[in-house]
Amino acid sequence: MKYQTLNQNLAVALHATNLLPFLGCRKADTANRVVFEFDDPGNVAPQAELDYAASRVVAPVNVVLAAQRFLRQRTTETLKG
């Protein structure tokens, strides 16, 4: 099952914690936005969203910054097309 989100901060948290494997991103219907796609074979995304909203998703700062940098690079590449 594939999980998709427009929320870049949630995508960073998912990537930084390795909760879901990152598959890639694609242009969204909304201008200058991307959809982040993750593999979710265990259907854990709904709980991960709740944990994120409740600030229960925790990762070391250096890992979060690396995930943020990685996803920003993917976003730039996707939007440049």
Protein backbone atom coordinates (compact mmCIF):
# COMPACT_ATOMS: atom_id res chain seq x y z
CA MET A 1 0.00 0.00 0.00
CA LYS A 2 1.23 3.50 -0.82
CA TYR A 3 0.93 6.43 1.57
CA GLN A 4 0.97 9.99 0.21
CA THR A 5 1.17 13.36 1.92
CA LEU A 6 1.57 17.00 0.96
CA ASN A 7 2.88 17.79 4.45
CA GLN A 8 6.64 18.24 4.12
CA ASN A 9 7.20 18.27 7.89
CA LEU A 10 5.36 14.97 8.29
CA ALA A 11 7.37 13.54 5.39
CA VAL A 12 10.60 14.61 7.12
CA ALA A 13 9.48 12.92 10.35
CA LEU A 14 8.54 9.70 8.55
CA HIS A 15 11.82 9.64 6.66
CA ALA A 16 13.96 10.56 9.67
CA THR A 17 12.47 7.82 11.84
CA ASN A 18 12.36 5.20 9.08
CA LEU A 19 8.73 4.53 9.92
CA LEU A 20 7.94 4.18 6.21
CA PRO A 21 10.31 3.67 3.29
CA PHE A 22 10.45 6.75 1.03
CA LEU A 23 9.46 5.96 -2.56
CA GLY A 24 9.77 9.40 -4.13
CA CYS A 25 7.77 12.49 -4.86
CA ARG A 26 5.75 13.89 -7.73
CA LYS A 27 4.24 17.22 -8.65
CA ALA A 28 0.95 17.94 -6.93
CA ASP A 29 -2.07 19.47 -8.62
CA THR A 30 -1.42 22.61 -6.58
CA ALA A 31 1.28 24.85 -8.05
CA ASN A 32 4.75 24.58 -6.50
CA ARG A 33 3.83 21.64 -4.25
CA VAL A 34 4.84 18.01 -4.28
CA VAL A 35 3.27 14.81 -3.01
CA PHE A 36 5.64 12.70 -0.92
CA GLU A 37 5.10 8.98 -1.41
CA PHE A 38 5.99 6.22 1.07
CA ASP A 39 5.60 2.46 1.06
CA ASP A 40 3.15 1.40 3.77
CA PRO A 41 2.57 -2.35 3.51
CA GLY A 42 1.61 -2.59 7.19
CA ASN A 43 -0.85 0.33 7.05
CA VAL A 44 0.93 2.14 9.89
CA ALA A 45 0.56 5.62 8.33
CA PRO A 46 -2.68 6.53 10.14
CA GLN A 47 -1.07 5.88 13.53
CA ALA A 48 2.14 7.61 12.43
CA GLU A 49 0.09 10.72 11.54
CA LEU A 50 -1.53 10.71 14.98
CA ASP A 51 1.85 10.27 16.67
CA TYR A 52 3.28 13.13 14.61
CA ALA A 53 0.35 15.42 15.47
CA ALA A 54 0.83 14.61 19.15
CA SER A 55 4.60 15.25 18.95
CA ARG A 56 5.39 11.61 19.70
CA VAL A 57 7.63 11.13 16.66
CA VAL A 58 11.19 11.64 17.88
CA ALA A 59 14.51 11.47 16.04
CA PRO A 60 17.96 12.94 16.70
CA VAL A 61 18.36 16.49 15.37
CA ASN A 62 21.14 15.55 12.95
CA VAL A 63 18.94 12.82 11.45
CA VAL A 64 15.99 15.20 11.11
CA LEU A 65 18.19 17.81 9.40
CA ALA A 66 19.60 15.20 7.02
CA ALA A 67 16.08 14.00 6.16
CA GLN A 68 14.94 17.60 5.65
CA ARG A 69 17.88 18.32 3.33
CA PHE A 70 17.26 15.10 1.37
CA LEU A 71 13.55 15.81 0.88
CA ARG A 72 14.18 19.45 -0.08
CA GLN A 73 16.58 18.23 -2.77
CA ARG A 74 13.97 15.76 -4.06
CA THR A 75 11.36 18.54 -4.01
CA THR A 76 13.57 20.89 -6.03
CA GLU A 77 14.36 18.17 -8.57
CA THR A 78 10.68 17.28 -8.91
CA LEU A 79 9.50 20.85 -9.36
CA LYS A 80 12.19 21.59 -11.94
CA GLY A 81 10.93 18.54 -13.80
